[in-house]
Amino acid sequence: MVVVSVPAEVTVILLDIEGTTTPIAFVKDILFPYIKENVKEYLQTHWEEEECQQDVSLLRKQAEEDAHLDGAVPIPVASGGDLQQTIQAVVDNVDWQMSHDRKTTALKQLQGHMWKAAFTAGRMKAEFFADVVPAVRRWREAGMKVYIYSSGSVEAQRLLFGHSTEGDILELIDGHFDTKIGHKVESESYRKIADSIGCSTNNILFLTDVTVEASAAEEADVHVAVVVRPGNAGLTDDEKTYYNLITSFSELCLPST
């Protein structure tokens, strides 16, 4: 087993989710298809609720901004007997946005609410790699703080950790960051995270599967290790030589206290 020694100054471990703690396949083959397969039923069930109406009006506003884009789907205002037509327009719009891998706030908000309903109803549980939870417990016992930094919203992150195949593991996480603090490919984001935690950037070890994120973190003086998991994008030979690579969290060796 390869062992990567964690520098003595590290007191915080910052984790990415997709491809690091959670299989990309779970996100790609379960989370996102769930939206496409269930959005119509969800809208029909929740249409009268205020939250759903807010989601739809945000999507409609986004559709107006997208009107100039090729294939964009407008969402008419429901009047009289046209409800099914309007619902179908929302379904088609969501479909169109997702097939173009859009990351609009309107789409993310609806997805978040749908996942929340699915997780709380027990229709879905988040998957974590087998080494993740035992490692996080060990790190915490050793006095480390553990934070999450993902492009998925903090609300969505909390859903995953609150409804996992390992049960509710939210208590193992000290805090969550999303792109509200900045994008993961910008080194400034990592300085802001350190400020928010109240430590210096070289007290942080960041684990991610994406080398451009690793490089942005390093620029901010954060320690990094690149996580190699089944289904992740391949690395170049240069990246393999340059970065500390781990295939499991158990390969991290903490400084002995």
C-alpha atoms as a PDB file:
ATOM      1  CA  MET A   1       0.000   0.000   0.000  1.00  0.00           C
ATOM      2  CA  VAL A   2       1.210   3.485  -0.919  1.00  0.00           C
ATOM      3  CA  VAL A   3       1.308   5.738   2.103  1.00  0.00           C
ATOM      4  CA  VAL A   4       1.126   9.513   1.870  1.00  0.00           C
ATOM      5  CA  SER A   5       2.311  11.286   4.996  1.00  0.00           C
ATOM      6  CA  VAL A   6       0.201  14.223   6.082  1.00  0.00           C
ATOM      7  CA  PRO A   7       2.435  17.228   6.972  1.00  0.00           C
ATOM      8  CA  ALA A   8       2.606  17.999  10.687  1.00  0.00           C
ATOM      9  CA  GLU A   9       1.116  21.492  10.253  1.00  0.00           C
ATOM     10  CA  VAL A  10      -2.162  20.102   8.840  1.00  0.00           C
ATOM     11  CA  THR A  11      -5.135  20.428  11.216  1.00  0.00           C
ATOM     12  CA  VAL A  12      -7.970  20.514   8.652  1.00  0.00           C
ATOM     13  CA  ILE A  13      -8.925  18.030   5.939  1.00  0.00           C
ATOM     14  CA  LEU A  14     -11.029  19.503   3.140  1.00  0.00           C
ATOM     15  CA  LEU A  15     -12.924  17.007   0.971  1.00  0.00           C
ATOM     16  CA  ASP A  16     -14.423  17.155  -2.476  1.00  0.00           C
ATOM     17  CA  ILE A  17     -17.466  14.860  -2.951  1.00  0.00           C
ATOM     18  CA  GLU A  18     -17.916  13.582  -6.514  1.00  0.00           C
ATOM     19  CA  GLY A  19     -15.117  11.167  -7.418  1.00  0.00           C
ATOM     20  CA  THR A  20     -13.504  11.610  -3.987  1.00  0.00           C
ATOM     21  CA  THR A  21     -15.937  10.472  -1.265  1.00  0.00           C
ATOM     22  CA  THR A  22     -18.704   9.354  -3.617  1.00  0.00           C
ATOM     23  CA  PRO A  23     -18.530   7.366  -6.867  1.00  0.00           C
ATOM     24  CA  ILE A  24     -19.032   9.495  -9.972  1.00  0.00           C
ATOM     25  CA  ALA A  25     -21.408   6.717 -11.093  1.00  0.00           C
ATOM     26  CA  PHE A  26     -23.752   7.504  -8.175  1.00  0.00           C
ATOM     27  CA  VAL A  27     -24.007  11.118  -9.316  1.00  0.00           C
ATOM     28  CA  LYS A  28     -24.149  10.333 -13.033  1.00  0.00           C
ATOM     29  CA  ASP A  29     -26.293   7.179 -13.019  1.00  0.00           C
ATOM     30  CA  ILE A  30     -28.562   7.722 -10.005  1.00  0.00           C
ATOM     31  CA  LEU A  31     -28.821  11.353  -8.851  1.00  0.00           C
ATOM     32  CA  PHE A  32     -29.248  13.071 -12.223  1.00  0.00           C
ATOM     33  CA  PRO A  33     -31.370  10.431 -14.013  1.00  0.00           C
ATOM     34  CA  TYR A  34     -33.715  10.527 -10.996  1.00  0.00           C
ATOM     35  CA  ILE A  35     -34.561  14.132 -11.919  1.00  0.00           C
ATOM     36  CA  LYS A  36     -35.346  13.373 -15.566  1.00  0.00           C
ATOM     37  CA  GLU A  37     -37.397  10.302 -14.688  1.00  0.00           C
ATOM     38  CA  ASN A  38     -39.428  11.932 -11.920  1.00  0.00           C
ATOM     39  CA  VAL A  39     -39.722  15.644 -12.715  1.00  0.00           C
ATOM     40  CA  LYS A  40     -43.194  15.350 -14.296  1.00  0.00           C
ATOM     41  CA  GLU A  41     -44.652  13.361 -11.414  1.00  0.00           C
ATOM     42  CA  TYR A  42     -42.989  15.728  -8.918  1.00  0.00           C
ATOM     43  CA  LEU A  43     -44.481  18.829 -10.576  1.00  0.00           C
ATOM     44  CA  GLN A  44     -47.955  17.235 -10.741  1.00  0.00           C
ATOM     45  CA  THR A  45     -47.800  16.284  -7.059  1.00  0.00           C
ATOM     46  CA  HIS A  46     -46.367  19.559  -5.700  1.00  0.00           C
ATOM     47  CA  TRP A  47     -47.676  22.112  -8.238  1.00  0.00           C
ATOM     48  CA  GLU A  48     -49.948  23.976  -5.786  1.00  0.00           C
ATOM     49  CA  GLU A  49     -47.177  24.357  -3.167  1.00  0.00           C
ATOM     50  CA  GLU A  50     -45.453  27.716  -2.835  1.00  0.00           C
ATOM     51  CA  GLU A  51     -41.968  26.195  -3.047  1.00  0.00           C
ATOM     52  CA  CYS A  52     -42.816  24.519  -6.352  1.00  0.00           C
ATOM     53  CA  GLN A  53     -44.343  27.725  -7.734  1.00  0.00           C
ATOM     54  CA  GLN A  54     -41.160  29.631  -6.829  1.00  0.00           C
ATOM     55  CA  ASP A  55     -39.058  26.993  -8.584  1.00  0.00           C
ATOM     56  CA  VAL A  56     -41.208  27.241 -11.707  1.00  0.00           C
ATOM     57  CA  SER A  57     -41.122  31.038 -11.823  1.00  0.00           C
ATOM     58  CA  LEU A  58     -37.324  30.968 -11.474  1.00  0.00           C
ATOM     59  CA  LEU A  59     -37.146  28.453 -14.346  1.00  0.00           C
ATOM     60  CA  ARG A  60     -39.481  30.649 -16.407  1.00  0.00           C
ATOM     61  CA  LYS A  61     -37.257  33.691 -15.799  1.00  0.00           C
ATOM     62  CA  GLN A  62     -34.205  31.632 -16.814  1.00  0.00           C
ATOM     63  CA  ALA A  63     -36.057  30.461 -19.952  1.00  0.00           C
ATOM     64  CA  GLU A  64     -36.681  34.104 -20.898  1.00  0.00           C
ATOM     65  CA  GLU A  65     -32.959  34.859 -20.527  1.00  0.00           C
ATOM     66  CA  ASP A  66     -32.182  31.745 -22.615  1.00  0.00           C
ATOM     67  CA  ALA A  67     -34.642  32.652 -25.393  1.00  0.00           C
ATOM     68  CA  HIS A  68     -31.800  33.469 -27.828  1.00  0.00           C
ATOM     69  CA  LEU A  69     -30.144  30.058 -27.362  1.00  0.00           C
ATOM     70  CA  ASP A  70     -30.590  27.288 -29.894  1.00  0.00           C
ATOM     71  CA  GLY A  71     -33.307  24.840 -28.834  1.00  0.00           C
ATOM     72  CA  ALA A  72     -34.251  26.772 -25.685  1.00  0.00           C
ATOM     73  CA  VAL A  73     -37.681  25.812 -24.288  1.00  0.00           C
ATOM     74  CA  PRO A  74     -40.032  28.644 -23.184  1.00  0.00           C
ATOM     75  CA  ILE A  75     -42.368  28.121 -20.194  1.00  0.00           C
ATOM     76  CA  PRO A  76     -45.818  29.718 -20.670  1.00  0.00           C
ATOM     77  CA  VAL A  77     -47.828  30.946 -17.692  1.00  0.00           C
ATOM     78  CA  ALA A  78     -50.533  28.396 -16.817  1.00  0.00           C
ATOM     79  CA  SER A  79     -53.978  29.747 -17.605  1.00  0.00           C
ATOM     80  CA  GLY A  80     -57.300  27.917 -17.427  1.00  0.00           C
ATOM     81  CA  GLY A  81     -57.084  24.350 -18.688  1.00  0.00           C
ATOM     82  CA  ASP A  82     -53.497  24.600 -19.932  1.00  0.00           C
ATOM     83  CA  LEU A  83     -51.896  23.229 -16.755  1.00  0.00           C
ATOM     84  CA  GLN A  84     -50.667  19.970 -18.312  1.00  0.00           C
ATOM     85  CA  GLN A  85     -49.208  21.953 -21.202  1.00  0.00           C
ATOM     86  CA  THR A  86     -47.314  24.210 -18.795  1.00  0.00           C
ATOM     87  CA  ILE A  87     -46.056  21.244 -16.761  1.00  0.00           C
ATOM     88  CA  GLN A  88     -44.860  19.590 -19.979  1.00  0.00           C
ATOM     89  CA  ALA A  89     -43.035  22.815 -20.933  1.00  0.00           C
ATOM     90  CA  VAL A  90     -41.231  22.805 -17.540  1.00  0.00           C
ATOM     91  CA  VAL A  91     -40.333  19.121 -18.042  1.00  0.00           C
ATOM     92  CA  ASP A  92     -38.969  19.867 -21.537  1.00  0.00           C
ATOM     93  CA  ASN A  93     -37.054  22.887 -20.252  1.00  0.00           C
ATOM     94  CA  VAL A  94     -35.428  20.877 -17.429  1.00  0.00           C
ATOM     95  CA  ASP A  95     -34.601  18.145 -19.934  1.00  0.00           C
ATOM     96  CA  TRP A  96     -33.024  20.651 -22.312  1.00  0.00           C
ATOM     97  CA  GLN A  97     -30.968  22.317 -19.566  1.00  0.00           C
ATOM     98  CA  MET A  98     -29.728  18.985 -18.233  1.00  0.00           C
ATOM     99  CA  SER A  99     -28.778  17.622 -21.637  1.00  0.00           C
ATOM    100  CA  HIS A 100     -26.656  20.774 -22.124  1.00  0.00           C
ATOM    101  CA  ASP A 101     -25.147  20.342 -18.655  1.00  0.00           C
ATOM    102  CA  ARG A 102     -26.383  23.766 -17.559  1.00  0.00           C
ATOM    103  CA  LYS A 103     -25.614  24.778 -13.972  1.00  0.00           C
ATOM    104  CA  THR A 104     -28.236  27.523 -13.594  1.00  0.00           C
ATOM    105  CA  THR A 105     -29.465  28.475 -10.121  1.00  0.00           C
ATOM    106  CA  ALA A 106     -33.048  27.796 -11.263  1.00  0.00           C
ATOM    107  CA  LEU A 107     -32.240  24.228 -12.311  1.00  0.00           C
ATOM    108  CA  LYS A 108     -30.128  23.547  -9.212  1.00  0.00           C
ATOM    109  CA  GLN A 109     -32.915  24.808  -6.949  1.00  0.00           C
ATOM    110  CA  LEU A 110     -35.544  22.476  -8.427  1.00  0.00           C
ATOM    111  CA  GLN A 111     -33.107  19.533  -8.412  1.00  0.00           C
ATOM    112  CA  GLY A 112     -32.274  20.254  -4.759  1.00  0.00           C
ATOM    113  CA  HIS A 113     -35.936  20.238  -3.758  1.00  0.00           C
ATOM    114  CA  MET A 114     -36.592  17.009  -5.689  1.00  0.00           C
ATOM    115  CA  TRP A 115     -33.614  15.263  -4.106  1.00  0.00           C
ATOM    116  CA  LYS A 116     -34.679  16.484  -0.676  1.00  0.00           C
ATOM    117  CA  ALA A 117     -38.110  14.913  -1.164  1.00  0.00           C
ATOM    118  CA  ALA A 118     -36.513  11.665  -2.416  1.00  0.00           C
ATOM    119  CA  PHE A 119     -33.926  11.368   0.364  1.00  0.00           C
ATOM    120  CA  THR A 120     -36.324  12.234   3.182  1.00  0.00           C
ATOM    121  CA  ALA A 121     -38.884   9.749   1.834  1.00  0.00           C
ATOM    122  CA  GLY A 122     -36.154   7.091   1.793  1.00  0.00           C
ATOM    123  CA  ARG A 123     -36.408   6.634  -2.000  1.00  0.00           C
ATOM    124  CA  MET A 124     -32.689   7.257  -2.299  1.00  0.00           C
ATOM    125  CA  LYS A 125     -29.535   6.909  -0.179  1.00  0.00           C
ATOM    126  CA  ALA A 126     -26.154   8.495  -0.858  1.00  0.00           C
ATOM    127  CA  GLU A 127     -23.267   6.138  -1.582  1.00  0.00           C
ATOM    128  CA  PHE A 128     -19.796   6.623  -0.143  1.00  0.00           C
ATOM    129  CA  PHE A 129     -16.651   4.639  -0.892  1.00  0.00           C
ATOM    130  CA  ALA A 130     -16.112   2.041   1.869  1.00  0.00           C
ATOM    131  CA  ASP A 131     -12.905   3.698   3.157  1.00  0.00           C
ATOM    132  CA  VAL A 132     -14.458   7.156   3.664  1.00  0.00           C
ATOM    133  CA  VAL A 133     -16.443   6.969   6.904  1.00  0.00           C
ATOM    134  CA  PRO A 134     -13.874   4.904   8.897  1.00  0.00           C
ATOM    135  CA  ALA A 135     -11.113   7.311   7.797  1.00  0.00           C
ATOM    136  CA  VAL A 136     -13.099  10.419   8.725  1.00  0.00           C
ATOM    137  CA  ARG A 137     -13.785   8.905  12.165  1.00  0.00           C
ATOM    138  CA  ARG A 138     -10.046   8.239  12.623  1.00  0.00           C
ATOM    139  CA  TRP A 139      -9.121  11.765  11.577  1.00  0.00           C
ATOM    140  CA  ARG A 140     -11.586  13.256  14.026  1.00  0.00           C
ATOM    141  CA  GLU A 141     -10.309  11.049  16.829  1.00  0.00           C
ATOM    142  CA  ALA A 142      -6.828  12.373  16.015  1.00  0.00           C
ATOM    143  CA  GLY A 143      -8.168  15.919  16.497  1.00  0.00           C
ATOM    144  CA  MET A 144      -8.508  16.892  12.829  1.00  0.00           C
ATOM    145  CA  LYS A 145     -11.359  19.041  11.599  1.00  0.00           C
ATOM    146  CA  VAL A 146     -13.133  17.829   8.447  1.00  0.00           C
ATOM    147  CA  TYR A 147     -14.867  20.133   5.958  1.00  0.00           C
ATOM    148  CA  ILE A 148     -16.564  19.601   2.594  1.00  0.00           C
ATOM    149  CA  TYR A 149     -16.035  21.774  -0.503  1.00  0.00           C
ATOM    150  CA  SER A 150     -18.182  20.831  -3.471  1.00  0.00           C
ATOM    151  CA  SER A 151     -19.825  22.575  -6.405  1.00  0.00           C
ATOM    152  CA  GLY A 152     -23.116  21.017  -5.253  1.00  0.00           C
ATOM    153  CA  SER A 153     -25.007  23.368  -2.921  1.00  0.00           C
ATOM    154  CA  VAL A 154     -24.472  23.124   0.853  1.00  0.00           C
ATOM    155  CA  GLU A 155     -28.126  22.034   1.106  1.00  0.00           C
ATOM    156  CA  ALA A 156     -27.477  19.137  -1.321  1.00  0.00           C
ATOM    157  CA  GLN A 157     -24.252  18.198   0.525  1.00  0.00           C
ATOM    158  CA  ARG A 158     -26.142  18.000   3.822  1.00  0.00           C
ATOM    159  CA  LEU A 159     -28.751  15.746   2.205  1.00  0.00           C
ATOM    160  CA  LEU A 160     -26.041  13.312   1.060  1.00  0.00           C
ATOM    161  CA  PHE A 161     -24.352  13.118   4.451  1.00  0.00           C
ATOM    162  CA  GLY A 162     -27.674  13.048   6.289  1.00  0.00           C
ATOM    163  CA  HIS A 163     -29.125  10.156   4.252  1.00  0.00           C
ATOM    164  CA  SER A 164     -26.283   7.819   3.352  1.00  0.00           C
ATOM    165  CA  THR A 165     -25.945   4.061   3.118  1.00  0.00           C
ATOM    166  CA  GLU A 166     -23.962   4.502   6.379  1.00  0.00           C
ATOM    167  CA  GLY A 167     -26.865   6.346   8.013  1.00  0.00           C
ATOM    168  CA  ASP A 168     -26.765  10.009   9.095  1.00  0.00           C
ATOM    169  CA  ILE A 169     -23.083  10.999   9.167  1.00  0.00           C
ATOM    170  CA  LEU A 170     -23.529  14.791   9.285  1.00  0.00           C
ATOM    171  CA  GLU A 171     -22.044  14.885  12.789  1.00  0.00           C
ATOM    172  CA  LEU A 172     -18.687  13.831  11.304  1.00  0.00           C
ATOM    173  CA  ILE A 173     -18.435  17.019   9.253  1.00  0.00           C
ATOM    174  CA  ASP A 174     -17.397  20.357  10.789  1.00  0.00           C
ATOM    175  CA  GLY A 175     -18.756  22.505   7.980  1.00  0.00           C
ATOM    176  CA  HIS A 176     -19.654  22.807   4.301  1.00  0.00           C
ATOM    177  CA  PHE A 177     -18.594  25.112   1.462  1.00  0.00           C
ATOM    178  CA  ASP A 178     -20.004  25.456  -2.053  1.00  0.00           C
ATOM    179  CA  THR A 179     -19.368  27.807  -4.973  1.00  0.00           C
ATOM    180  CA  LYS A 180     -20.890  30.713  -3.024  1.00  0.00           C
ATOM    181  CA  ILE A 181     -17.399  31.092  -1.513  1.00  0.00           C
ATOM    182  CA  GLY A 182     -15.896  30.946  -5.026  1.00  0.00           C
ATOM    183  CA  HIS A 183     -15.169  28.414  -7.751  1.00  0.00           C
ATOM    184  CA  LYS A 184     -12.985  25.402  -7.047  1.00  0.00           C
ATOM    185  CA  VAL A 185     -10.545  26.268  -9.847  1.00  0.00           C
ATOM    186  CA  GLU A 186      -9.771  29.702  -8.323  1.00  0.00           C
ATOM    187  CA  SER A 187      -7.047  29.860  -5.691  1.00  0.00           C
ATOM    188  CA  GLU A 188      -8.777  32.796  -3.944  1.00  0.00           C
ATOM    189  CA  SER A 189     -11.583  30.401  -2.891  1.00  0.00           C
ATOM    190  CA  TYR A 190      -9.130  28.392  -0.775  1.00  0.00           C
ATOM    191  CA  ARG A 191      -7.873  31.535   0.998  1.00  0.00           C
ATOM    192  CA  LYS A 192     -11.475  32.464   1.792  1.00  0.00           C
ATOM    193  CA  ILE A 193     -12.136  28.957   3.140  1.00  0.00           C
ATOM    194  CA  ALA A 194      -9.083  29.191   5.412  1.00  0.00           C
ATOM    195  CA  ASP A 195     -10.276  32.612   6.671  1.00  0.00           C
ATOM    196  CA  SER A 196     -13.735  31.223   7.283  1.00  0.00           C
ATOM    197  CA  ILE A 197     -12.354  28.222   9.228  1.00  0.00           C
ATOM    198  CA  GLY A 198      -9.927  30.479  11.080  1.00  0.00           C
ATOM    199  CA  CYS A 199      -6.704  28.738  10.075  1.00  0.00           C
ATOM    200  CA  SER A 200      -3.940  29.422   7.613  1.00  0.00           C
ATOM    201  CA  THR A 201      -3.977  27.816   4.142  1.00  0.00           C
ATOM    202  CA  ASN A 202      -0.993  25.582   4.935  1.00  0.00           C
ATOM    203  CA  ASN A 203      -3.000  24.025   7.797  1.00  0.00           C
ATOM    204  CA  ILE A 204      -5.332  22.506   5.193  1.00  0.00           C
ATOM    205  CA  LEU A 205      -5.014  19.264   3.227  1.00  0.00           C
ATOM    206  CA  PHE A 206      -7.407  19.209   0.243  1.00  0.00           C
ATOM    207  CA  LEU A 207      -8.439  15.885  -1.318  1.00  0.00           C
ATOM    208  CA  THR A 208      -9.868  16.041  -4.837  1.00  0.00           C
ATOM    209  CA  ASP A 209      -9.925  13.969  -8.020  1.00  0.00           C
ATOM    210  CA  VAL A 210      -9.614  17.046 -10.267  1.00  0.00           C
ATOM    211  CA  THR A 211      -6.065  18.276 -10.934  1.00  0.00           C
ATOM    212  CA  VAL A 212      -7.071  21.842 -11.921  1.00  0.00           C
ATOM    213  CA  GLU A 213      -8.662  22.171  -8.476  1.00  0.00           C
ATOM    214  CA  ALA A 214      -5.560  20.677  -6.854  1.00  0.00           C
ATOM    215  CA  SER A 215      -3.399  23.174  -8.688  1.00  0.00           C
ATOM    216  CA  ALA A 216      -5.589  26.148  -7.639  1.00  0.00           C
ATOM    217  CA  ALA A 217      -5.430  24.972  -4.017  1.00  0.00           C
ATOM    218  CA  GLU A 218      -1.634  24.585  -4.173  1.00  0.00           C
ATOM    219  CA  GLU A 219      -1.310  28.108  -5.511  1.00  0.00           C
ATOM    220  CA  ALA A 220      -2.982  29.262  -2.301  1.00  0.00           C
ATOM    221  CA  ASP A 221      -0.457  27.247  -0.259  1.00  0.00           C
ATOM    222  CA  VAL A 222      -2.883  24.431   0.583  1.00  0.00           C
ATOM    223  CA  HIS A 223      -1.512  20.861   0.757  1.00  0.00           C
ATOM    224  CA  VAL A 224      -3.157  18.527  -1.762  1.00  0.00           C
ATOM    225  CA  ALA A 225      -3.489  14.849  -2.616  1.00  0.00           C
ATOM    226  CA  VAL A 226      -5.234  13.666  -5.769  1.00  0.00           C
ATOM    227  CA  VAL A 227      -7.737  10.851  -5.275  1.00  0.00           C
ATOM    228  CA  VAL A 228      -7.814   8.105  -7.902  1.00  0.00           C
ATOM    229  CA  ARG A 229     -11.120   6.220  -7.902  1.00  0.00           C
ATOM    230  CA  PRO A 230     -12.918   3.851 -10.296  1.00  0.00           C
ATOM    231  CA  GLY A 231     -14.748   5.882 -12.958  1.00  0.00           C
ATOM    232  CA  ASN A 232     -12.676   9.052 -12.470  1.00  0.00           C
ATOM    233  CA  ALA A 233     -11.030  10.835 -15.400  1.00  0.00           C
ATOM    234  CA  GLY A 234      -7.541   9.523 -16.174  1.00  0.00           C
ATOM    235  CA  LEU A 235      -4.421  11.485 -15.243  1.00  0.00           C
ATOM    236  CA  THR A 236      -1.503  12.361 -17.525  1.00  0.00           C
ATOM    237  CA  ASP A 237       1.937  10.893 -16.772  1.00  0.00           C
ATOM    238  CA  ASP A 238       3.098  14.351 -15.670  1.00  0.00           C
ATOM    239  CA  GLU A 239       0.210  14.639 -13.220  1.00  0.00           C
ATOM    240  CA  LYS A 240       0.939  11.165 -11.873  1.00  0.00           C
ATOM    241  CA  THR A 241       4.549  12.088 -11.116  1.00  0.00           C
ATOM    242  CA  TYR A 242       3.783  15.570  -9.808  1.00  0.00           C
ATOM    243  CA  TYR A 243       0.941  14.914  -7.350  1.00  0.00           C
ATOM    244  CA  ASN A 244       0.661  12.734  -4.272  1.00  0.00           C
ATOM    245  CA  LEU A 245      -1.903  10.138  -5.384  1.00  0.00           C
ATOM    246  CA  ILE A 246      -4.125   8.014  -3.162  1.00  0.00           C
ATOM    247  CA  THR A 247      -6.666   5.346  -4.133  1.00  0.00           C
ATOM    248  CA  SER A 248      -8.181   5.157  -0.644  1.00  0.00           C
ATOM    249  CA  PHE A 249      -8.388   7.485   2.372  1.00  0.00           C
ATOM    250  CA  SER A 250      -6.694   4.734   4.395  1.00  0.00           C
ATOM    251  CA  GLU A 251      -3.448   5.554   2.526  1.00  0.00           C
ATOM    252  CA  LEU A 252      -3.141   8.854   4.381  1.00  0.00           C
ATOM    253  CA  CYS A 253      -0.803   8.616   7.317  1.00  0.00           C
ATOM    254  CA  LEU A 254      -1.497  11.270   9.950  1.00  0.00           C
ATOM    255  CA  PRO A 255       1.370  12.886  11.877  1.00  0.00           C
ATOM    256  CA  SER A 256       1.695  11.042  15.178  1.00  0.00           C
ATOM    257  CA  THR A 257       0.568  13.335  17.971  1.00  0.00           C
END
